[in-house]
Amino acid sequence: MKVRVTKDYEILGLGEKIKKARKKSPMTITDLASQAGISAAHWYRIEAEENKILPKETLDAIIAALGEDLELELDEKSLC
């Protein structure tokens, strides 16, 4: 039998890290967001940390669109 465990990670300053990387990019936010599969409005909400939870898949898509390592440190919080 398999047990699925879901974990949340607190990444302090994630929105600001994404914003700094975006500003260094030659691409527009519209192009970056499109490449990440989200809207520009959603991207802005992520930068402002208005969303309480960001799916890992969305974060991975943002990092891929930026083409930059954000050097993220995870503060593990187990849900179990």
PDB file of N, CA and C in Angstrom:
ATOM      1  N   MET A   1       0.837  -1.160   0.000  1.00  0.00           N
ATOM      2  CA  MET A   1       0.000   0.000   0.000  1.00  0.00           C
ATOM      3  C   MET A   1       0.894   1.238   0.000  1.00  0.00           C
ATOM      4  N   LYS A   2       0.475   2.243  -0.730  1.00  0.00           N
ATOM      5  CA  LYS A   2       1.214   3.494  -0.799  1.00  0.00           C
ATOM      6  C   LYS A   2       0.536   4.543   0.070  1.00  0.00           C
ATOM      7  N   VAL A   3       1.345   5.410   0.635  1.00  0.00           N
ATOM      8  CA  VAL A   3       0.839   6.538   1.408  1.00  0.00           C
ATOM      9  C   VAL A   3       1.342   7.810   0.757  1.00  0.00           C
ATOM     10  N   ARG A   4       0.452   8.719   0.453  1.00  0.00           N
ATOM     11  CA  ARG A   4       0.830   9.998  -0.162  1.00  0.00           C
ATOM     12  C   ARG A   4       0.916  11.050   0.933  1.00  0.00           C
ATOM     13  N   VAL A   5       2.046  11.728   0.984  1.00  0.00           N
ATOM     14  CA  VAL A   5       2.261  12.786   1.960  1.00  0.00           C
ATOM     15  C   VAL A   5       2.471  14.085   1.206  1.00  0.00           C
ATOM     16  N   THR A   6       1.728  15.101   1.596  1.00  0.00           N
ATOM     17  CA  THR A   6       1.856  16.409   0.969  1.00  0.00           C
ATOM     18  C   THR A   6       2.568  17.335   1.940  1.00  0.00           C
ATOM     19  N   LYS A   7       3.508  18.099   1.438  1.00  0.00           N
ATOM     20  CA  LYS A   7       4.252  19.028   2.286  1.00  0.00           C
ATOM     21  C   LYS A   7       4.180  20.428   1.702  1.00  0.00           C
ATOM     22  N   ASP A   8       4.123  21.410   2.572  1.00  0.00           N
ATOM     23  CA  ASP A   8       4.222  22.811   2.174  1.00  0.00           C
ATOM     24  C   ASP A   8       5.584  23.317   2.616  1.00  0.00           C
ATOM     25  N   TYR A   9       6.157  24.196   1.835  1.00  0.00           N
ATOM     26  CA  TYR A   9       7.443  24.796   2.162  1.00  0.00           C
ATOM     27  C   TYR A   9       7.291  26.302   2.172  1.00  0.00           C
ATOM     28  N   GLU A  10       7.843  26.926   3.172  1.00  0.00           N
ATOM     29  CA  GLU A  10       7.837  28.387   3.253  1.00  0.00           C
ATOM     30  C   GLU A  10       9.125  28.879   2.598  1.00  0.00           C
ATOM     31  N   ILE A  11       8.997  29.673   1.549  1.00  0.00           N
ATOM     32  CA  ILE A  11      10.163  30.243   0.867  1.00  0.00           C
ATOM     33  C   ILE A  11      10.090  31.746   1.067  1.00  0.00           C
ATOM     34  N   LEU A  12      10.840  32.223   2.020  1.00  0.00           N
ATOM     35  CA  LEU A  12      10.805  33.638   2.363  1.00  0.00           C
ATOM     36  C   LEU A  12      11.323  34.492   1.210  1.00  0.00           C
ATOM     37  N   GLY A  13      10.571  35.534   0.865  1.00  0.00           N
ATOM     38  CA  GLY A  13      10.987  36.456  -0.185  1.00  0.00           C
ATOM     39  C   GLY A  13      10.873  35.916  -1.593  1.00  0.00           C
ATOM     40  N   LEU A  14      10.087  34.864  -1.787  1.00  0.00           N
ATOM     41  CA  LEU A  14       9.970  34.254  -3.114  1.00  0.00           C
ATOM     42  C   LEU A  14       9.466  35.253  -4.150  1.00  0.00           C
ATOM     43  N   GLY A  15       8.432  36.008  -3.812  1.00  0.00           N
ATOM     44  CA  GLY A  15       7.880  36.976  -4.765  1.00  0.00           C
ATOM     45  C   GLY A  15       8.915  37.991  -5.205  1.00  0.00           C
ATOM     46  N   GLU A  16       9.698  38.471  -4.277  1.00  0.00           N
ATOM     47  CA  GLU A  16      10.733  39.461  -4.594  1.00  0.00           C
ATOM     48  C   GLU A  16      11.841  38.849  -5.456  1.00  0.00           C
ATOM     49  N   LYS A  17      12.194  37.596  -5.188  1.00  0.00           N
ATOM     50  CA  LYS A  17      13.212  36.916  -6.004  1.00  0.00           C
ATOM     51  C   LYS A  17      12.732  36.773  -7.446  1.00  0.00           C
ATOM     52  N   ILE A  18      11.466  36.409  -7.605  1.00  0.00           N
ATOM     53  CA  ILE A  18      10.901  36.276  -8.949  1.00  0.00           C
ATOM     54  C   ILE A  18      10.884  37.640  -9.638  1.00  0.00           C
ATOM     55  N   LYS A  19      10.488  38.676  -8.916  1.00  0.00           N
ATOM     56  CA  LYS A  19      10.424  40.023  -9.483  1.00  0.00           C
ATOM     57  C   LYS A  19      11.804  40.510  -9.932  1.00  0.00           C
ATOM     58  N   LYS A  20      12.821  40.300  -9.101  1.00  0.00           N
ATOM     59  CA  LYS A  20      14.187  40.718  -9.462  1.00  0.00           C
ATOM     60  C   LYS A  20      14.669  39.997 -10.713  1.00  0.00           C
ATOM     61  N   ALA A  21      14.395  38.687 -10.781  1.00  0.00           N
ATOM     62  CA  ALA A  21      14.802  37.913 -11.957  1.00  0.00           C
ATOM     63  C   ALA A  21      14.058  38.386 -13.197  1.00  0.00           C
ATOM     64  N   ARG A  22      12.769  38.705 -13.042  1.00  0.00           N
ATOM     65  CA  ARG A  22      11.978  39.198 -14.188  1.00  0.00           C
ATOM     66  C   ARG A  22      12.537  40.508 -14.702  1.00  0.00           C
ATOM     67  N   LYS A  23      12.905  41.394 -13.798  1.00  0.00           N
ATOM     68  CA  LYS A  23      13.411  42.701 -14.216  1.00  0.00           C
ATOM     69  C   LYS A  23      14.753  42.594 -14.936  1.00  0.00           C
ATOM     70  N   LYS A  24      15.512  41.536 -14.657  1.00  0.00           N
ATOM     71  CA  LYS A  24      16.776  41.318 -15.367  1.00  0.00           C
ATOM     72  C   LYS A  24      16.561  40.695 -16.742  1.00  0.00           C
ATOM     73  N   SER A  25      15.391  40.115 -16.951  1.00  0.00           N
ATOM     74  CA  SER A  25      15.095  39.425 -18.203  1.00  0.00           C
ATOM     75  C   SER A  25      14.785  40.429 -19.305  1.00  0.00           C
ATOM     76  N   PRO A  26      15.217  40.136 -20.529  1.00  0.00           N
ATOM     77  CA  PRO A  26      14.867  41.010 -21.650  1.00  0.00           C
ATOM     78  C   PRO A  26      13.417  40.809 -22.119  1.00  0.00           C
ATOM     79  N   MET A  27      12.768  39.762 -21.612  1.00  0.00           N
ATOM     80  CA  MET A  27      11.392  39.462 -22.029  1.00  0.00           C
ATOM     81  C   MET A  27      10.392  40.290 -21.230  1.00  0.00           C
ATOM     82  N   THR A  28       9.239  40.539 -21.816  1.00  0.00           N
ATOM     83  CA  THR A  28       8.165  41.250 -21.109  1.00  0.00           C
ATOM     84  C   THR A  28       7.488  40.280 -20.143  1.00  0.00           C
ATOM     85  N   ILE A  29       6.789  40.843 -19.174  1.00  0.00           N
ATOM     86  CA  ILE A  29       6.071  39.983 -18.232  1.00  0.00           C
ATOM     87  C   ILE A  29       5.001  39.176 -18.950  1.00  0.00           C
ATOM     88  N   THR A  30       4.402  39.751 -19.975  1.00  0.00           N
ATOM     89  CA  THR A  30       3.384  39.032 -20.749  1.00  0.00           C
ATOM     90  C   THR A  30       3.993  37.806 -21.412  1.00  0.00           C
ATOM     91  N   ASP A  31       5.182  37.969 -21.993  1.00  0.00           N
ATOM     92  CA  ASP A  31       5.849  36.843 -22.650  1.00  0.00           C
ATOM     93  C   ASP A  31       6.310  35.791 -21.637  1.00  0.00           C
ATOM     94  N   LEU A  32       6.868  36.242 -20.518  1.00  0.00           N
ATOM     95  CA  LEU A  32       7.313  35.310 -19.488  1.00  0.00           C
ATOM     96  C   LEU A  32       6.132  34.512 -18.937  1.00  0.00           C
ATOM     97  N   ALA A  33       5.047  35.224 -18.625  1.00  0.00           N
ATOM     98  CA  ALA A  33       3.873  34.563 -18.077  1.00  0.00           C
ATOM     99  C   ALA A  33       3.295  33.565 -19.077  1.00  0.00           C
ATOM    100  N   SER A  34       3.225  33.963 -20.330  1.00  0.00           N
ATOM    101  CA  SER A  34       2.719  33.064 -21.367  1.00  0.00           C
ATOM    102  C   SER A  34       3.579  31.808 -21.447  1.00  0.00           C
ATOM    103  N   GLN A  35       4.879  31.987 -21.398  1.00  0.00           N
ATOM    104  CA  GLN A  35       5.801  30.852 -21.457  1.00  0.00           C
ATOM    105  C   GLN A  35       5.614  29.946 -20.234  1.00  0.00           C
ATOM    106  N   ALA A  36       5.255  30.536 -19.097  1.00  0.00           N
ATOM    107  CA  ALA A  36       5.039  29.761 -17.868  1.00  0.00           C
ATOM    108  C   ALA A  36       3.634  29.169 -17.803  1.00  0.00           C
ATOM    109  N   GLY A  37       2.771  29.554 -18.742  1.00  0.00           N
ATOM    110  CA  GLY A  37       1.417  29.013 -18.774  1.00  0.00           C
ATOM    111  C   GLY A  37       0.456  29.685 -17.805  1.00  0.00           C
ATOM    112  N   ILE A  38       0.760  30.933 -17.434  1.00  0.00           N
ATOM    113  CA  ILE A  38      -0.116  31.692 -16.539  1.00  0.00           C
ATOM    114  C   ILE A  38      -0.351  33.072 -17.139  1.00  0.00           C
ATOM    115  N   SER A  39      -1.276  33.822 -16.576  1.00  0.00           N
ATOM    116  CA  SER A  39      -1.522  35.178 -17.068  1.00  0.00           C
ATOM    117  C   SER A  39      -0.538  36.156 -16.416  1.00  0.00           C
ATOM    118  N   ALA A  40      -0.376  37.312 -17.045  1.00  0.00           N
ATOM    119  CA  ALA A  40       0.479  38.353 -16.470  1.00  0.00           C
ATOM    120  C   ALA A  40      -0.079  38.805 -15.118  1.00  0.00           C
ATOM    121  N   ALA A  41      -1.403  38.864 -15.000  1.00  0.00           N
ATOM    122  CA  ALA A  41      -2.027  39.262 -13.732  1.00  0.00           C
ATOM    123  C   ALA A  41      -1.692  38.261 -12.629  1.00  0.00           C
ATOM    124  N   HIS A  42      -1.730  36.983 -12.970  1.00  0.00           N
ATOM    125  CA  HIS A  42      -1.378  35.946 -11.984  1.00  0.00           C
ATOM    126  C   HIS A  42       0.096  36.084 -11.594  1.00  0.00           C
ATOM    127  N   TRP A  43       0.957  36.357 -12.572  1.00  0.00           N
ATOM    128  CA  TRP A  43       2.386  36.552 -12.291  1.00  0.00           C
ATOM    129  C   TRP A  43       2.573  37.702 -11.295  1.00  0.00           C
ATOM    130  N   TYR A  44       1.881  38.809 -11.523  1.00  0.00           N
ATOM    131  CA  TYR A  44       1.982  39.948 -10.605  1.00  0.00           C
ATOM    132  C   TYR A  44       1.508  39.576  -9.198  1.00  0.00           C
ATOM    133  N   ARG A  45       0.440  38.784  -9.106  1.00  0.00           N
ATOM    134  CA  ARG A  45      -0.049  38.351  -7.795  1.00  0.00           C
ATOM    135  C   ARG A  45       0.982  37.468  -7.090  1.00  0.00           C
ATOM    136  N   ILE A  46       1.667  36.648  -7.855  1.00  0.00           N
ATOM    137  CA  ILE A  46       2.722  35.806  -7.280  1.00  0.00           C
ATOM    138  C   ILE A  46       3.857  36.682  -6.759  1.00  0.00           C
ATOM    139  N   GLU A  47       4.277  37.659  -7.544  1.00  0.00           N
ATOM    140  CA  GLU A  47       5.340  38.569  -7.097  1.00  0.00           C
ATOM    141  C   GLU A  47       4.941  39.317  -5.826  1.00  0.00           C
ATOM    142  N   ALA A  48       3.680  39.696  -5.730  1.00  0.00           N
ATOM    143  CA  ALA A  48       3.185  40.434  -4.568  1.00  0.00           C
ATOM    144  C   ALA A  48       2.869  39.500  -3.391  1.00  0.00           C
ATOM    145  N   GLU A  49       3.030  38.210  -3.622  1.00  0.00           N
ATOM    146  CA  GLU A  49       2.751  37.176  -2.623  1.00  0.00           C
ATOM    147  C   GLU A  49       1.320  37.259  -2.114  1.00  0.00           C
ATOM    148  N   GLU A  50       0.404  37.577  -3.022  1.00  0.00           N
ATOM    149  CA  GLU A  50      -1.019  37.600  -2.688  1.00  0.00           C
ATOM    150  C   GLU A  50      -1.588  36.192  -2.604  1.00  0.00           C
ATOM    151  N   ASN A  51      -0.989  35.261  -3.319  1.00  0.00           N
ATOM    152  CA  ASN A  51      -1.405  33.864  -3.254  1.00  0.00           C
ATOM    153  C   ASN A  51      -0.740  33.233  -2.039  1.00  0.00           C
ATOM    154  N   LYS A  52      -1.502  32.503  -1.272  1.00  0.00           N
ATOM    155  CA  LYS A  52      -0.943  31.859  -0.075  1.00  0.00           C
ATOM    156  C   LYS A  52      -0.193  30.580  -0.416  1.00  0.00           C
ATOM    157  N   ILE A  53      -0.625  29.913  -1.481  1.00  0.00           N
ATOM    158  CA  ILE A  53       0.021  28.665  -1.888  1.00  0.00           C
ATOM    159  C   ILE A  53       0.284  28.724  -3.389  1.00  0.00           C
ATOM    160  N   LEU A  54       1.496  28.367  -3.758  1.00  0.00           N
ATOM    161  CA  LEU A  54       1.897  28.332  -5.166  1.00  0.00           C
ATOM    162  C   LEU A  54       2.230  26.888  -5.522  1.00  0.00           C
ATOM    163  N   PRO A  55       1.510  26.298  -6.464  1.00  0.00           N
ATOM    164  CA  PRO A  55       1.833  24.921  -6.847  1.00  0.00           C
ATOM    165  C   PRO A  55       3.279  24.816  -7.351  1.00  0.00           C
ATOM    166  N   LYS A  56       3.930  23.711  -6.983  1.00  0.00           N
ATOM    167  CA  LYS A  56       5.323  23.482  -7.389  1.00  0.00           C
ATOM    168  C   LYS A  56       5.454  23.522  -8.905  1.00  0.00           C
ATOM    169  N   GLU A  57       4.441  23.018  -9.618  1.00  0.00           N
ATOM    170  CA  GLU A  57       4.488  23.006 -11.076  1.00  0.00           C
ATOM    171  C   GLU A  57       4.528  24.431 -11.631  1.00  0.00           C
ATOM    172  N   THR A  58       3.785  25.346 -10.995  1.00  0.00           N
ATOM    173  CA  THR A  58       3.788  26.745 -11.437  1.00  0.00           C
ATOM    174  C   THR A  58       5.139  27.381 -11.158  1.00  0.00           C
ATOM    175  N   LEU A  59       5.697  27.115  -9.991  1.00  0.00           N
ATOM    176  CA  LEU A  59       7.025  27.637  -9.670  1.00  0.00           C
ATOM    177  C   LEU A  59       8.060  27.116 -10.659  1.00  0.00           C
ATOM    178  N   ASP A  60       8.008  25.833 -10.960  1.00  0.00           N
ATOM    179  CA  ASP A  60       8.942  25.250 -11.936  1.00  0.00           C
ATOM    180  C   ASP A  60       8.792  25.916 -13.303  1.00  0.00           C
ATOM    181  N   ALA A  61       7.557  26.198 -13.719  1.00  0.00           N
ATOM    182  CA  ALA A  61       7.313  26.844 -15.016  1.00  0.00           C
ATOM    183  C   ALA A  61       7.846  28.275 -15.018  1.00  0.00           C
ATOM    184  N   ILE A  62       7.710  28.986 -13.902  1.00  0.00           N
ATOM    185  CA  ILE A  62       8.234  30.346 -13.797  1.00  0.00           C
ATOM    186  C   ILE A  62       9.754  30.331 -13.879  1.00  0.00           C
ATOM    187  N   ILE A  63      10.379  29.412 -13.153  1.00  0.00           N
ATOM    188  CA  ILE A  63      11.844  29.300 -13.173  1.00  0.00           C
ATOM    189  C   ILE A  63      12.324  28.967 -14.585  1.00  0.00           C
ATOM    190  N   ALA A  64      11.622  28.067 -15.268  1.00  0.00           N
ATOM    191  CA  ALA A  64      11.998  27.710 -16.640  1.00  0.00           C
ATOM    192  C   ALA A  64      11.860  28.910 -17.572  1.00  0.00           C
ATOM    193  N   ALA A  65      10.782  29.675 -17.420  1.00  0.00           N
ATOM    194  CA  ALA A  65      10.573  30.854 -18.270  1.00  0.00           C
ATOM    195  C   ALA A  65      11.668  31.892 -18.027  1.00  0.00           C
ATOM    196  N   LEU A  66      12.047  32.064 -16.770  1.00  0.00           N
ATOM    197  CA  LEU A  66      13.099  33.034 -16.442  1.00  0.00           C
ATOM    198  C   LEU A  66      14.471  32.549 -16.891  1.00  0.00           C
ATOM    199  N   GLY A  67      14.648  31.226 -16.956  1.00  0.00           N
ATOM    200  CA  GLY A  67      15.936  30.670 -17.350  1.00  0.00           C
ATOM    201  C   GLY A  67      17.037  30.993 -16.351  1.00  0.00           C
ATOM    202  N   GLU A  68      16.646  31.065 -15.084  1.00  0.00           N
ATOM    203  CA  GLU A  68      17.600  31.466 -14.056  1.00  0.00           C
ATOM    204  C   GLU A  68      17.357  30.663 -12.779  1.00  0.00           C
ATOM    205  N   ASP A  69      18.432  30.302 -12.106  1.00  0.00           N
ATOM    206  CA  ASP A  69      18.329  29.626 -10.824  1.00  0.00           C
ATOM    207  C   ASP A  69      18.025  30.669  -9.756  1.00  0.00           C
ATOM    208  N   LEU A  70      16.918  30.519  -9.048  1.00  0.00           N
ATOM    209  CA  LEU A  70      16.537  31.500  -8.038  1.00  0.00           C
ATOM    210  C   LEU A  70      17.198  31.234  -6.683  1.00  0.00           C
ATOM    211  N   GLU A  71      17.977  30.146  -6.584  1.00  0.00           N
ATOM    212  CA  GLU A  71      18.687  29.786  -5.348  1.00  0.00           C
ATOM    213  C   GLU A  71      17.733  29.789  -4.158  1.00  0.00           C
ATOM    214  N   LEU A  72      16.731  28.948  -4.238  1.00  0.00           N
ATOM    215  CA  LEU A  72      15.699  28.895  -3.210  1.00  0.00           C
ATOM    216  C   LEU A  72      16.110  27.989  -2.064  1.00  0.00           C
ATOM    217  N   GLU A  73      15.849  28.436  -0.845  1.00  0.00           N
ATOM    218  CA  GLU A  73      16.077  27.629   0.348  1.00  0.00           C
ATOM    219  C   GLU A  73      14.719  27.266   0.911  1.00  0.00           C
ATOM    220  N   LEU A  74      14.528  25.993   1.183  1.00  0.00           N
ATOM    221  CA  LEU A  74      13.242  25.523   1.679  1.00  0.00           C
ATOM    222  C   LEU A  74      13.278  25.354   3.185  1.00  0.00           C
ATOM    223  N   ASP A  75      12.288  25.929   3.842  1.00  0.00           N
ATOM    224  CA  ASP A  75      12.070  25.736   5.279  1.00  0.00           C
ATOM    225  C   ASP A  75      10.955  24.729   5.398  1.00  0.00           C
ATOM    226  N   GLU A  76      11.309  23.467   5.623  1.00  0.00           N
ATOM    227  CA  GLU A  76      10.334  22.385   5.570  1.00  0.00           C
ATOM    228  C   GLU A  76       9.327  22.458   6.708  1.00  0.00           C
ATOM    229  N   LYS A  77       8.054  22.322   6.329  1.00  0.00           N
ATOM    230  CA  LYS A  77       6.966  22.223   7.301  1.00  0.00           C
ATOM    231  C   LYS A  77       6.153  20.990   6.926  1.00  0.00           C
ATOM    232  N   SER A  78       6.211  19.986   7.735  1.00  0.00           N
ATOM    233  CA  SER A  78       5.471  18.770   7.447  1.00  0.00           C
ATOM    234  C   SER A  78       4.006  18.930   7.843  1.00  0.00           C
ATOM    235  N   LEU A  79       3.126  18.385   7.029  1.00  0.00           N
ATOM    236  CA  LEU A  79       1.701  18.446   7.319  1.00  0.00           C
ATOM    237  C   LEU A  79       1.239  17.268   8.156  1.00  0.00           C
ATOM    238  N   CYS A  80       2.102  16.298   8.387  1.00  0.00           N
ATOM    239  CA  CYS A  80       1.714  15.114   9.188  1.00  0.00           C
ATOM    240  C   CYS A  80       2.144  15.296  10.620  1.00  0.00           C
TER     241      CYS A  80
END
